[in-house]
């Protein structure tokens, strides 16, 4: 006999359960980064054109790319909050990952490629050497370092607050990086600080030695750094867009919770997929203990779903398939428990 009970209540927009304060803090962090990058980009462009510094122009391209990316992130924050509709019944939570992917492409194209171009051109053709230009470039980079550092501190402060609220350590929260907007700002600001330091080093060595090769190599270094960061951000966004499972620790906790229900005999399959920052789809195939009639099965199914959603509010799309487990199903479930059920492989 196949007893099927599925569920997935109509809920609010994915992410609407996420504290408005957290999204507000992320929005402020993005605005701070956008304001810093726009001011710095103008200063770097003017300083780079005046001094003829390829390293400074590379950093200008970096800041322009970051400014566009912050706009993408602000769009993502707004669009991902839309409620589910007929065309998108699971909501728009993955909008954040799509716009984060575009931000990664922007870093690669506008930042990395232009920096490589500037570096190659500097090494090939040489550059201007005026003390006024050097001083102008170093002054602009000094101001940029202060502004980028301020934006980075703001982003790190938000991560520290998240770690305190979730009970995780700072480093663990930093590695988790579930919010793509905050993760992108952190990556951009960290890269910006390293890029400015690299540009200062290249410009200073150019001033001391008179060889523009130092700035050319600094530009290539900035380009390589930007390409590396763009690849990392793009890879993370790709994993989320194609449907990434929850982390193994959470999956194990949910599995243990289902196994612990008195009416559950065996959990034969447990599949999860993140739909957004605070929206997760859970599909489980379970075998109940014998002797329950159809009405009892429905009541038990609803109670189990309620218990999951109450314990883990982000797991807001719960579907249970109530079915009789075969001996093979039971053996596979036991094997998964013995292996520690390290992933959604059922």
C-alpha atoms as a PDB file:
ATOM      1  CA  UNK A   1       0.000   0.000   0.000  1.00  0.00           C
ATOM      2  CA  UNK A   2       1.336   3.410  -0.923  1.00  0.00           C
ATOM      3  CA  UNK A   3       0.232   6.135   1.462  1.00  0.00           C
ATOM      4  CA  UNK A   4       1.200   9.516   0.140  1.00  0.00           C
ATOM      5  CA  UNK A   5       1.012  12.685   2.164  1.00  0.00           C
ATOM      6  CA  UNK A   6       2.636  15.776   0.791  1.00  0.00           C
ATOM      7  CA  UNK A   7       2.723  19.252   2.150  1.00  0.00           C
ATOM      8  CA  UNK A   8       4.085  22.645   1.418  1.00  0.00           C
ATOM      9  CA  UNK A   9       2.095  25.474   2.850  1.00  0.00           C
ATOM     10  CA  UNK A  10       1.729  28.767   1.078  1.00  0.00           C
ATOM     11  CA  UNK A  11       4.115  30.941   3.000  1.00  0.00           C
ATOM     12  CA  UNK A  12       5.324  34.470   2.893  1.00  0.00           C
ATOM     13  CA  UNK A  13       8.002  35.513   0.470  1.00  0.00           C
ATOM     14  CA  UNK A  14      11.216  33.567   1.028  1.00  0.00           C
ATOM     15  CA  UNK A  15      13.429  35.731   3.101  1.00  0.00           C
ATOM     16  CA  UNK A  16      10.497  37.630   4.597  1.00  0.00           C
ATOM     17  CA  UNK A  17      11.046  35.591   7.759  1.00  0.00           C
ATOM     18  CA  UNK A  18      14.608  36.795   7.803  1.00  0.00           C
ATOM     19  CA  UNK A  19      14.945  39.611  10.272  1.00  0.00           C
ATOM     20  CA  UNK A  20      14.308  42.936   8.588  1.00  0.00           C
ATOM     21  CA  UNK A  21      17.145  44.260  10.695  1.00  0.00           C
ATOM     22  CA  UNK A  22      19.658  41.887   9.116  1.00  0.00           C
ATOM     23  CA  UNK A  23      18.665  42.818   5.579  1.00  0.00           C
ATOM     24  CA  UNK A  24      18.720  46.469   6.628  1.00  0.00           C
ATOM     25  CA  UNK A  25      22.250  46.091   7.951  1.00  0.00           C
ATOM     26  CA  UNK A  26      23.336  44.430   4.712  1.00  0.00           C
ATOM     27  CA  UNK A  27      21.768  47.270   2.710  1.00  0.00           C
ATOM     28  CA  UNK A  28      23.644  49.859   4.797  1.00  0.00           C
ATOM     29  CA  UNK A  29      26.888  47.925   4.300  1.00  0.00           C
ATOM     30  CA  UNK A  30      26.366  47.895   0.520  1.00  0.00           C
ATOM     31  CA  UNK A  31      25.534  51.631   0.485  1.00  0.00           C
ATOM     32  CA  UNK A  32      28.700  52.416   2.469  1.00  0.00           C
ATOM     33  CA  UNK A  33      30.761  50.387  -0.013  1.00  0.00           C
ATOM     34  CA  UNK A  34      29.029  52.054  -2.993  1.00  0.00           C
ATOM     35  CA  UNK A  35      29.630  55.568  -1.673  1.00  0.00           C
ATOM     36  CA  UNK A  36      33.280  54.800  -0.934  1.00  0.00           C
ATOM     37  CA  UNK A  37      33.872  53.214  -4.352  1.00  0.00           C
ATOM     38  CA  UNK A  38      32.223  56.012  -6.335  1.00  0.00           C
ATOM     39  CA  UNK A  39      34.284  58.736  -4.644  1.00  0.00           C
ATOM     40  CA  UNK A  40      37.471  56.697  -4.873  1.00  0.00           C
ATOM     41  CA  UNK A  41      36.869  55.792  -8.532  1.00  0.00           C
ATOM     42  CA  UNK A  42      36.655  59.461  -9.539  1.00  0.00           C
ATOM     43  CA  UNK A  43      39.786  60.321  -7.549  1.00  0.00           C
ATOM     44  CA  UNK A  44      41.727  57.388  -9.013  1.00  0.00           C
ATOM     45  CA  UNK A  45      40.694  58.210 -12.576  1.00  0.00           C
ATOM     46  CA  UNK A  46      41.733  61.855 -12.249  1.00  0.00           C
ATOM     47  CA  UNK A  47      44.934  60.950 -10.437  1.00  0.00           C
ATOM     48  CA  UNK A  48      45.779  58.188 -12.897  1.00  0.00           C
ATOM     49  CA  UNK A  49      45.224  60.403 -15.942  1.00  0.00           C
ATOM     50  CA  UNK A  50      47.279  63.212 -14.389  1.00  0.00           C
ATOM     51  CA  UNK A  51      50.181  61.042 -13.240  1.00  0.00           C
ATOM     52  CA  UNK A  52      50.064  58.492 -16.071  1.00  0.00           C
ATOM     53  CA  UNK A  53      50.308  55.713 -13.481  1.00  0.00           C
ATOM     54  CA  UNK A  54      49.174  52.333 -14.875  1.00  0.00           C
ATOM     55  CA  UNK A  55      48.816  50.909 -11.356  1.00  0.00           C
ATOM     56  CA  UNK A  56      46.551  53.798 -10.367  1.00  0.00           C
ATOM     57  CA  UNK A  57      44.465  53.404 -13.532  1.00  0.00           C
ATOM     58  CA  UNK A  58      44.144  49.688 -12.784  1.00  0.00           C
ATOM     59  CA  UNK A  59      42.860  50.546  -9.342  1.00  0.00           C
ATOM     60  CA  UNK A  60      40.439  53.039 -10.930  1.00  0.00           C
ATOM     61  CA  UNK A  61      39.006  50.238 -13.083  1.00  0.00           C
ATOM     62  CA  UNK A  62      38.768  48.115  -9.947  1.00  0.00           C
ATOM     63  CA  UNK A  63      36.732  50.800  -8.149  1.00  0.00           C
ATOM     64  CA  UNK A  64      34.456  51.375 -11.160  1.00  0.00           C
ATOM     65  CA  UNK A  65      33.753  47.633 -11.322  1.00  0.00           C
ATOM     66  CA  UNK A  66      33.009  47.539  -7.600  1.00  0.00           C
ATOM     67  CA  UNK A  67      30.615  50.498  -7.930  1.00  0.00           C
ATOM     68  CA  UNK A  68      28.595  48.731 -10.617  1.00  0.00           C
ATOM     69  CA  UNK A  69      28.601  45.579  -8.521  1.00  0.00           C
ATOM     70  CA  UNK A  70      27.171  47.375  -5.492  1.00  0.00           C
ATOM     71  CA  UNK A  71      24.288  48.540  -7.702  1.00  0.00           C
ATOM     72  CA  UNK A  72      23.725  44.899  -8.713  1.00  0.00           C
ATOM     73  CA  UNK A  73      23.656  43.885  -5.050  1.00  0.00           C
ATOM     74  CA  UNK A  74      21.114  46.565  -4.148  1.00  0.00           C
ATOM     75  CA  UNK A  75      18.891  45.327  -6.981  1.00  0.00           C
ATOM     76  CA  UNK A  76      19.302  41.774  -5.668  1.00  0.00           C
ATOM     77  CA  UNK A  77      18.275  42.796  -2.141  1.00  0.00           C
ATOM     78  CA  UNK A  78      15.060  44.339  -3.463  1.00  0.00           C
ATOM     79  CA  UNK A  79      14.048  41.758  -6.071  1.00  0.00           C
ATOM     80  CA  UNK A  80      14.717  38.708  -3.873  1.00  0.00           C
ATOM     81  CA  UNK A  81      12.024  39.858  -1.425  1.00  0.00           C
ATOM     82  CA  UNK A  82       9.157  39.490  -3.922  1.00  0.00           C
ATOM     83  CA  UNK A  83       6.402  37.080  -2.886  1.00  0.00           C
ATOM     84  CA  UNK A  84       5.865  33.763  -4.705  1.00  0.00           C
ATOM     85  CA  UNK A  85       3.532  33.825  -7.709  1.00  0.00           C
ATOM     86  CA  UNK A  86       2.172  31.399 -10.281  1.00  0.00           C
ATOM     87  CA  UNK A  87       5.314  31.633 -12.420  1.00  0.00           C
ATOM     88  CA  UNK A  88       7.681  31.283  -9.450  1.00  0.00           C
ATOM     89  CA  UNK A  89       5.878  29.275  -6.759  1.00  0.00           C
ATOM     90  CA  UNK A  90       9.006  28.981  -4.619  1.00  0.00           C
ATOM     91  CA  UNK A  91       9.641  32.709  -4.662  1.00  0.00           C
ATOM     92  CA  UNK A  92      12.520  34.836  -5.875  1.00  0.00           C
ATOM     93  CA  UNK A  93      15.147  34.096  -3.232  1.00  0.00           C
ATOM     94  CA  UNK A  94      17.685  32.970  -5.830  1.00  0.00           C
ATOM     95  CA  UNK A  95      17.690  36.452  -7.372  1.00  0.00           C
ATOM     96  CA  UNK A  96      20.484  37.242  -4.912  1.00  0.00           C
ATOM     97  CA  UNK A  97      22.679  34.542  -6.392  1.00  0.00           C
ATOM     98  CA  UNK A  98      21.969  35.619  -9.991  1.00  0.00           C
ATOM     99  CA  UNK A  99      22.956  39.242  -9.332  1.00  0.00           C
ATOM    100  CA  UNK A 100      25.984  38.078  -7.359  1.00  0.00           C
ATOM    101  CA  UNK A 101      27.021  36.096 -10.429  1.00  0.00           C
ATOM    102  CA  UNK A 102      26.727  39.270 -12.526  1.00  0.00           C
ATOM    103  CA  UNK A 103      28.852  41.073  -9.944  1.00  0.00           C
ATOM    104  CA  UNK A 104      31.529  38.390 -10.312  1.00  0.00           C
ATOM    105  CA  UNK A 105      31.456  38.814 -14.104  1.00  0.00           C
ATOM    106  CA  UNK A 106      31.790  42.581 -13.632  1.00  0.00           C
ATOM    107  CA  UNK A 107      34.853  42.160 -11.429  1.00  0.00           C
ATOM    108  CA  UNK A 108      36.427  39.868 -14.019  1.00  0.00           C
ATOM    109  CA  UNK A 109      35.689  41.974 -17.110  1.00  0.00           C
ATOM    110  CA  UNK A 110      35.900  45.572 -15.880  1.00  0.00           C
ATOM    111  CA  UNK A 111      38.495  45.052 -13.178  1.00  0.00           C
ATOM    112  CA  UNK A 112      40.696  42.071 -14.001  1.00  0.00           C
ATOM    113  CA  UNK A 113      40.909  42.392 -17.782  1.00  0.00           C
ATOM    114  CA  UNK A 114      41.544  46.158 -17.724  1.00  0.00           C
ATOM    115  CA  UNK A 115      44.251  45.709 -15.084  1.00  0.00           C
ATOM    116  CA  UNK A 116      45.978  43.107 -17.251  1.00  0.00           C
ATOM    117  CA  UNK A 117      45.758  45.485 -20.220  1.00  0.00           C
ATOM    118  CA  UNK A 118      47.292  48.344 -18.213  1.00  0.00           C
ATOM    119  CA  UNK A 119      50.069  46.151 -16.897  1.00  0.00           C
ATOM    120  CA  UNK A 120      51.011  44.802 -20.323  1.00  0.00           C
ATOM    121  CA  UNK A 121      50.936  48.284 -21.855  1.00  0.00           C
ATOM    122  CA  UNK A 122      53.142  49.688 -19.081  1.00  0.00           C
ATOM    123  CA  UNK A 123      55.716  46.937 -19.476  1.00  0.00           C
ATOM    124  CA  UNK A 124      55.660  47.296 -23.252  1.00  0.00           C
ATOM    125  CA  UNK A 125      55.751  51.067 -23.696  1.00  0.00           C
ATOM    126  CA  UNK A 126      56.949  52.666 -20.455  1.00  0.00           C
ATOM    127  CA  UNK A 127      55.309  55.613 -18.666  1.00  0.00           C
ATOM    128  CA  UNK A 128      55.711  59.129 -17.391  1.00  0.00           C
ATOM    129  CA  UNK A 129      58.057  59.938 -14.529  1.00  0.00           C
ATOM    130  CA  UNK A 130      57.301  63.179 -12.753  1.00  0.00           C
ATOM    131  CA  UNK A 131      57.647  63.704  -8.999  1.00  0.00           C
ATOM    132  CA  UNK A 132      54.353  65.618  -8.957  1.00  0.00           C
ATOM    133  CA  UNK A 133      52.634  62.660 -10.583  1.00  0.00           C
ATOM    134  CA  UNK A 134      54.120  60.255  -8.049  1.00  0.00           C
ATOM    135  CA  UNK A 135      52.994  62.353  -5.104  1.00  0.00           C
ATOM    136  CA  UNK A 136      49.518  62.791  -6.592  1.00  0.00           C
ATOM    137  CA  UNK A 137      49.180  59.053  -7.113  1.00  0.00           C
ATOM    138  CA  UNK A 138      50.373  58.178  -3.617  1.00  0.00           C
ATOM    139  CA  UNK A 139      48.029  60.756  -2.066  1.00  0.00           C
ATOM    140  CA  UNK A 140      45.030  59.336  -3.944  1.00  0.00           C
ATOM    141  CA  UNK A 141      45.972  55.785  -2.985  1.00  0.00           C
ATOM    142  CA  UNK A 142      46.378  56.812   0.655  1.00  0.00           C
ATOM    143  CA  UNK A 143      42.866  58.256   0.726  1.00  0.00           C
ATOM    144  CA  UNK A 144      41.575  55.162  -1.096  1.00  0.00           C
ATOM    145  CA  UNK A 145      43.186  52.885   1.485  1.00  0.00           C
ATOM    146  CA  UNK A 146      41.461  54.780   4.297  1.00  0.00           C
ATOM    147  CA  UNK A 147      38.057  54.660   2.573  1.00  0.00           C
ATOM    148  CA  UNK A 148      38.321  51.005   1.535  1.00  0.00           C
ATOM    149  CA  UNK A 149      39.500  50.077   5.021  1.00  0.00           C
ATOM    150  CA  UNK A 150      36.495  51.849   6.553  1.00  0.00           C
ATOM    151  CA  UNK A 151      34.109  49.949   4.277  1.00  0.00           C
ATOM    152  CA  UNK A 152      35.859  46.656   5.099  1.00  0.00           C
ATOM    153  CA  UNK A 153      35.603  47.333   8.840  1.00  0.00           C
ATOM    154  CA  UNK A 154      31.872  47.983   8.399  1.00  0.00           C
ATOM    155  CA  UNK A 155      31.387  44.631   6.623  1.00  0.00           C
ATOM    156  CA  UNK A 156      33.464  42.760   9.224  1.00  0.00           C
ATOM    157  CA  UNK A 157      31.456  44.401  11.984  1.00  0.00           C
ATOM    158  CA  UNK A 158      28.261  43.018  10.448  1.00  0.00           C
ATOM    159  CA  UNK A 159      29.780  39.530  10.262  1.00  0.00           C
ATOM    160  CA  UNK A 160      30.779  39.834  13.930  1.00  0.00           C
ATOM    161  CA  UNK A 161      27.189  40.772  14.796  1.00  0.00           C
ATOM    162  CA  UNK A 162      25.851  37.782  12.862  1.00  0.00           C
ATOM    163  CA  UNK A 163      28.271  35.477  14.682  1.00  0.00           C
ATOM    164  CA  UNK A 164      27.114  36.826  18.031  1.00  0.00           C
ATOM    165  CA  UNK A 165      23.413  36.379  17.155  1.00  0.00           C
ATOM    166  CA  UNK A 166      23.812  32.856  15.742  1.00  0.00           C
ATOM    167  CA  UNK A 167      26.206  31.654  18.420  1.00  0.00           C
ATOM    168  CA  UNK A 168      28.902  30.801  15.882  1.00  0.00           C
ATOM    169  CA  UNK A 169      32.491  31.913  16.171  1.00  0.00           C
ATOM    170  CA  UNK A 170      33.609  34.857  14.056  1.00  0.00           C
ATOM    171  CA  UNK A 171      35.825  32.772  11.759  1.00  0.00           C
ATOM    172  CA  UNK A 172      33.133  30.142  11.269  1.00  0.00           C
ATOM    173  CA  UNK A 173      30.547  32.792  10.413  1.00  0.00           C
ATOM    174  CA  UNK A 174      33.039  34.374   8.016  1.00  0.00           C
ATOM    175  CA  UNK A 175      33.568  31.039   6.254  1.00  0.00           C
ATOM    176  CA  UNK A 176      29.832  30.259   6.087  1.00  0.00           C
ATOM    177  CA  UNK A 177      29.095  33.502   4.207  1.00  0.00           C
ATOM    178  CA  UNK A 178      25.452  32.636   3.438  1.00  0.00           C
ATOM    179  CA  UNK A 179      24.462  36.160   2.362  1.00  0.00           C
ATOM    180  CA  UNK A 180      25.853  36.638  -1.180  1.00  0.00           C
ATOM    181  CA  UNK A 181      25.531  40.428  -0.975  1.00  0.00           C
ATOM    182  CA  UNK A 182      27.581  40.641   2.214  1.00  0.00           C
ATOM    183  CA  UNK A 183      30.012  38.016   0.935  1.00  0.00           C
ATOM    184  CA  UNK A 184      30.555  40.009  -2.264  1.00  0.00           C
ATOM    185  CA  UNK A 185      31.143  43.266  -0.361  1.00  0.00           C
ATOM    186  CA  UNK A 186      33.644  41.511   1.918  1.00  0.00           C
ATOM    187  CA  UNK A 187      35.472  40.043  -1.083  1.00  0.00           C
ATOM    188  CA  UNK A 188      35.491  43.394  -2.902  1.00  0.00           C
ATOM    189  CA  UNK A 189      36.700  45.387   0.107  1.00  0.00           C
ATOM    190  CA  UNK A 190      39.377  42.853   1.032  1.00  0.00           C
ATOM    191  CA  UNK A 191      40.583  42.772  -2.569  1.00  0.00           C
ATOM    192  CA  UNK A 192      40.456  46.577  -2.739  1.00  0.00           C
ATOM    193  CA  UNK A 193      42.694  46.956   0.322  1.00  0.00           C
ATOM    194  CA  UNK A 194      45.192  44.435  -1.083  1.00  0.00           C
ATOM    195  CA  UNK A 195      44.985  46.095  -4.507  1.00  0.00           C
ATOM    196  CA  UNK A 196      45.661  49.559  -3.098  1.00  0.00           C
ATOM    197  CA  UNK A 197      48.643  48.239  -1.119  1.00  0.00           C
ATOM    198  CA  UNK A 198      49.957  46.574  -4.286  1.00  0.00           C
ATOM    199  CA  UNK A 199      49.506  49.808  -6.276  1.00  0.00           C
ATOM    200  CA  UNK A 200      51.297  51.818  -3.548  1.00  0.00           C
ATOM    201  CA  UNK A 201      54.179  49.362  -3.640  1.00  0.00           C
ATOM    202  CA  UNK A 202      54.427  49.512  -7.441  1.00  0.00           C
ATOM    203  CA  UNK A 203      54.223  53.310  -7.572  1.00  0.00           C
ATOM    204  CA  UNK A 204      56.775  53.698  -4.768  1.00  0.00           C
ATOM    205  CA  UNK A 205      59.257  51.339  -6.433  1.00  0.00           C
ATOM    206  CA  UNK A 206      58.742  53.174  -9.727  1.00  0.00           C
ATOM    207  CA  UNK A 207      59.538  56.439  -7.973  1.00  0.00           C
ATOM    208  CA  UNK A 208      62.655  55.023  -6.309  1.00  0.00           C
ATOM    209  CA  UNK A 209      64.078  53.093  -9.275  1.00  0.00           C
ATOM    210  CA  UNK A 210      62.712  55.086 -12.190  1.00  0.00           C
ATOM    211  CA  UNK A 211      61.522  51.865 -13.819  1.00  0.00           C
ATOM    212  CA  UNK A 212      57.871  51.666 -14.831  1.00  0.00           C
ATOM    213  CA  UNK A 213      58.166  47.875 -14.838  1.00  0.00           C
ATOM    214  CA  UNK A 214      57.294  47.903 -11.141  1.00  0.00           C
ATOM    215  CA  UNK A 215      53.946  49.508 -11.869  1.00  0.00           C
ATOM    216  CA  UNK A 216      53.365  47.169 -14.779  1.00  0.00           C
ATOM    217  CA  UNK A 217      53.893  44.153 -12.548  1.00  0.00           C
ATOM    218  CA  UNK A 218      51.710  45.740  -9.851  1.00  0.00           C
ATOM    219  CA  UNK A 219      48.904  46.114 -12.399  1.00  0.00           C
ATOM    220  CA  UNK A 220      49.271  42.477 -13.425  1.00  0.00           C
ATOM    221  CA  UNK A 221      49.170  41.469  -9.762  1.00  0.00           C
ATOM    222  CA  UNK A 222      45.968  43.468  -9.226  1.00  0.00           C
ATOM    223  CA  UNK A 223      44.461  41.849 -12.311  1.00  0.00           C
ATOM    224  CA  UNK A 224      45.345  38.347 -11.092  1.00  0.00           C
ATOM    225  CA  UNK A 225      43.847  39.115  -7.681  1.00  0.00           C
ATOM    226  CA  UNK A 226      40.597  40.349  -9.241  1.00  0.00           C
ATOM    227  CA  UNK A 227      40.302  37.324 -11.537  1.00  0.00           C
ATOM    228  CA  UNK A 228      40.829  34.995  -8.555  1.00  0.00           C
ATOM    229  CA  UNK A 229      38.140  36.749  -6.489  1.00  0.00           C
ATOM    230  CA  UNK A 230      35.733  36.835  -9.444  1.00  0.00           C
ATOM    231  CA  UNK A 231      36.208  33.088  -9.939  1.00  0.00           C
ATOM    232  CA  UNK A 232      35.498  32.369  -6.270  1.00  0.00           C
ATOM    233  CA  UNK A 233      32.346  34.502  -6.179  1.00  0.00           C
ATOM    234  CA  UNK A 234      31.118  33.079  -9.482  1.00  0.00           C
ATOM    235  CA  UNK A 235      31.684  29.519  -8.301  1.00  0.00           C
ATOM    236  CA  UNK A 236      29.688  30.130  -5.093  1.00  0.00           C
ATOM    237  CA  UNK A 237      26.828  31.752  -7.028  1.00  0.00           C
ATOM    238  CA  UNK A 238      26.803  28.837  -9.478  1.00  0.00           C
ATOM    239  CA  UNK A 239      26.457  26.301  -6.657  1.00  0.00           C
ATOM    240  CA  UNK A 240      23.467  28.172  -5.265  1.00  0.00           C
ATOM    241  CA  UNK A 241      21.799  28.694  -8.641  1.00  0.00           C
ATOM    242  CA  UNK A 242      21.916  25.038  -9.656  1.00  0.00           C
ATOM    243  CA  UNK A 243      20.493  23.965  -6.282  1.00  0.00           C
ATOM    244  CA  UNK A 244      22.794  23.475  -3.311  1.00  0.00           C
ATOM    245  CA  UNK A 245      21.817  21.353  -0.317  1.00  0.00           C
ATOM    246  CA  UNK A 246      21.935  22.630   3.246  1.00  0.00           C
ATOM    247  CA  UNK A 247      25.154  22.013   5.150  1.00  0.00           C
ATOM    248  CA  UNK A 248      25.661  18.429   6.424  1.00  0.00           C
ATOM    249  CA  UNK A 249      25.330  19.469  10.069  1.00  0.00           C
ATOM    250  CA  UNK A 250      21.826  20.878   9.523  1.00  0.00           C
ATOM    251  CA  UNK A 251      20.831  17.900   7.380  1.00  0.00           C
ATOM    252  CA  UNK A 252      21.896  15.496  10.122  1.00  0.00           C
ATOM    253  CA  UNK A 253      19.934  17.477  12.711  1.00  0.00           C
ATOM    254  CA  UNK A 254      16.774  17.341  10.582  1.00  0.00           C
ATOM    255  CA  UNK A 255      17.266  13.621   9.945  1.00  0.00           C
ATOM    256  CA  UNK A 256      17.680  12.949  13.670  1.00  0.00           C
ATOM    257  CA  UNK A 257      14.559  15.012  14.393  1.00  0.00           C
ATOM    258  CA  UNK A 258      12.464  13.011  11.922  1.00  0.00           C
ATOM    259  CA  UNK A 259      13.872   9.712  13.184  1.00  0.00           C
ATOM    260  CA  UNK A 260      12.987  10.749  16.711  1.00  0.00           C
ATOM    261  CA  UNK A 261       9.271  11.119  16.020  1.00  0.00           C
ATOM    262  CA  UNK A 262       7.374   8.254  17.710  1.00  0.00           C
ATOM    263  CA  UNK A 263       5.277   7.536  14.607  1.00  0.00           C
ATOM    264  CA  UNK A 264       8.266   7.336  12.236  1.00  0.00           C
ATOM    265  CA  UNK A 265       9.693   3.893  11.582  1.00  0.00           C
ATOM    266  CA  UNK A 266      12.295   4.748   8.891  1.00  0.00           C
ATOM    267  CA  UNK A 267      13.416   7.813   6.957  1.00  0.00           C
ATOM    268  CA  UNK A 268      14.440   6.349   3.611  1.00  0.00           C
ATOM    269  CA  UNK A 269      15.307   9.576   1.769  1.00  0.00           C
ATOM    270  CA  UNK A 270      16.005  13.164   2.759  1.00  0.00           C
ATOM    271  CA  UNK A 271      16.620  15.813   0.089  1.00  0.00           C
ATOM    272  CA  UNK A 272      17.190  19.517   0.662  1.00  0.00           C
ATOM    273  CA  UNK A 273      17.787  22.572  -1.494  1.00  0.00           C
ATOM    274  CA  UNK A 274      18.333  26.203  -0.553  1.00  0.00           C
ATOM    275  CA  UNK A 275      15.821  28.491  -2.247  1.00  0.00           C
ATOM    276  CA  UNK A 276      17.191  31.678  -0.697  1.00  0.00           C
ATOM    277  CA  UNK A 277      18.819  33.014   2.439  1.00  0.00           C
ATOM    278  CA  UNK A 278      15.912  31.969   4.650  1.00  0.00           C
ATOM    279  CA  UNK A 279      13.989  29.580   2.462  1.00  0.00           C
ATOM    280  CA  UNK A 280      14.795  25.889   2.153  1.00  0.00           C
ATOM    281  CA  UNK A 281      12.971  23.056   0.426  1.00  0.00           C
ATOM    282  CA  UNK A 282      12.864  19.738   2.303  1.00  0.00           C
ATOM    283  CA  UNK A 283      11.555  16.548   0.692  1.00  0.00           C
ATOM    284  CA  UNK A 284      11.558  13.392   2.792  1.00  0.00           C
ATOM    285  CA  UNK A 285      10.319   9.871   2.170  1.00  0.00           C
ATOM    286  CA  UNK A 286       9.308   8.248   5.441  1.00  0.00           C
ATOM    287  CA  UNK A 287       7.732   4.980   6.569  1.00  0.00           C
ATOM    288  CA  UNK A 288       5.407   5.240   9.557  1.00  0.00           C
ATOM    289  CA  UNK A 289       4.858   2.571  12.177  1.00  0.00           C
ATOM    290  CA  UNK A 290       2.135   0.018  11.318  1.00  0.00           C
ATOM    291  CA  UNK A 291      -1.433   0.384  12.463  1.00  0.00           C
ATOM    292  CA  UNK A 292      -2.205   4.007  11.530  1.00  0.00           C
ATOM    293  CA  UNK A 293      -5.312   4.703   9.479  1.00  0.00           C
ATOM    294  CA  UNK A 294      -5.487   7.348   6.736  1.00  0.00           C
ATOM    295  CA  UNK A 295      -6.770  10.087   9.043  1.00  0.00           C
ATOM    296  CA  UNK A 296      -4.035   9.423  11.582  1.00  0.00           C
ATOM    297  CA  UNK A 297      -1.443   9.493   8.801  1.00  0.00           C
ATOM    298  CA  UNK A 298      -2.636  12.942   7.739  1.00  0.00           C
ATOM    299  CA  UNK A 299      -2.566  14.274  11.315  1.00  0.00           C
ATOM    300  CA  UNK A 300       0.905  12.850  11.950  1.00  0.00           C
ATOM    301  CA  UNK A 301       2.198  14.250   8.663  1.00  0.00           C
ATOM    302  CA  UNK A 302       0.971  17.757   9.509  1.00  0.00           C
ATOM    303  CA  UNK A 303       2.376  17.565  13.028  1.00  0.00           C
ATOM    304  CA  UNK A 304       5.816  16.497  11.786  1.00  0.00           C
ATOM    305  CA  UNK A 305       5.891  19.280   9.200  1.00  0.00           C
ATOM    306  CA  UNK A 306       4.873  21.815  11.836  1.00  0.00           C
ATOM    307  CA  UNK A 307       7.595  20.604  14.196  1.00  0.00           C
ATOM    308  CA  UNK A 308      10.264  20.957  11.493  1.00  0.00           C
ATOM    309  CA  UNK A 309       9.153  24.453  10.506  1.00  0.00           C
ATOM    310  CA  UNK A 310       8.949  25.598  14.128  1.00  0.00           C
ATOM    311  CA  UNK A 311      12.415  24.314  14.975  1.00  0.00           C
ATOM    312  CA  UNK A 312      14.021  25.544  11.738  1.00  0.00           C
ATOM    313  CA  UNK A 313      11.983  28.519  10.422  1.00  0.00           C
ATOM    314  CA  UNK A 314      14.174  28.737   7.319  1.00  0.00           C
ATOM    315  CA  UNK A 315      13.014  25.240   6.308  1.00  0.00           C
ATOM    316  CA  UNK A 316       9.690  26.609   5.118  1.00  0.00           C
ATOM    317  CA  UNK A 317       8.870  24.277   2.203  1.00  0.00           C
ATOM    318  CA  UNK A 318       8.365  20.788   3.653  1.00  0.00           C
ATOM    319  CA  UNK A 319       7.100  17.878   1.563  1.00  0.00           C
ATOM    320  CA  UNK A 320       6.647  14.432   3.116  1.00  0.00           C
ATOM    321  CA  UNK A 321       6.089  11.279   1.080  1.00  0.00           C
ATOM    322  CA  UNK A 322       4.506   8.679   3.368  1.00  0.00           C
ATOM    323  CA  UNK A 323       5.192   5.277   1.868  1.00  0.00           C
ATOM    324  CA  UNK A 324       5.962   1.683   2.845  1.00  0.00           C
ATOM    325  CA  UNK A 325       9.717   1.076   2.926  1.00  0.00           C
ATOM    326  CA  UNK A 326      11.166  -2.014   1.302  1.00  0.00           C
ATOM    327  CA  UNK A 327      13.969  -4.016   2.868  1.00  0.00           C
ATOM    328  CA  UNK A 328      16.372  -2.383   0.422  1.00  0.00           C
ATOM    329  CA  UNK A 329      15.155   1.058   1.514  1.00  0.00           C
ATOM    330  CA  UNK A 330      15.727   0.163   5.169  1.00  0.00           C
ATOM    331  CA  UNK A 331      19.209  -1.191   4.450  1.00  0.00           C
ATOM    332  CA  UNK A 332      20.124   1.933   2.493  1.00  0.00           C
ATOM    333  CA  UNK A 333      18.849   4.152   5.323  1.00  0.00           C
ATOM    334  CA  UNK A 334      20.894   2.226   7.897  1.00  0.00           C
ATOM    335  CA  UNK A 335      23.973   2.504   5.694  1.00  0.00           C
ATOM    336  CA  UNK A 336      23.479   6.270   5.368  1.00  0.00           C
ATOM    337  CA  UNK A 337      23.324   6.629   9.143  1.00  0.00           C
ATOM    338  CA  UNK A 338      26.466   4.563   9.602  1.00  0.00           C
ATOM    339  CA  UNK A 339      28.330   6.718   7.079  1.00  0.00           C
ATOM    340  CA  UNK A 340      27.173   9.820   8.910  1.00  0.00           C
ATOM    341  CA  UNK A 341      24.852  10.861   6.050  1.00  0.00           C
ATOM    342  CA  UNK A 342      27.358  13.430   4.852  1.00  0.00           C
ATOM    343  CA  UNK A 343      25.255  14.686   1.935  1.00  0.00           C
ATOM    344  CA  UNK A 344      21.951  14.564   0.112  1.00  0.00           C
ATOM    345  CA  UNK A 345      22.762  11.479  -1.903  1.00  0.00           C
ATOM    346  CA  UNK A 346      19.593   9.436  -1.485  1.00  0.00           C
END
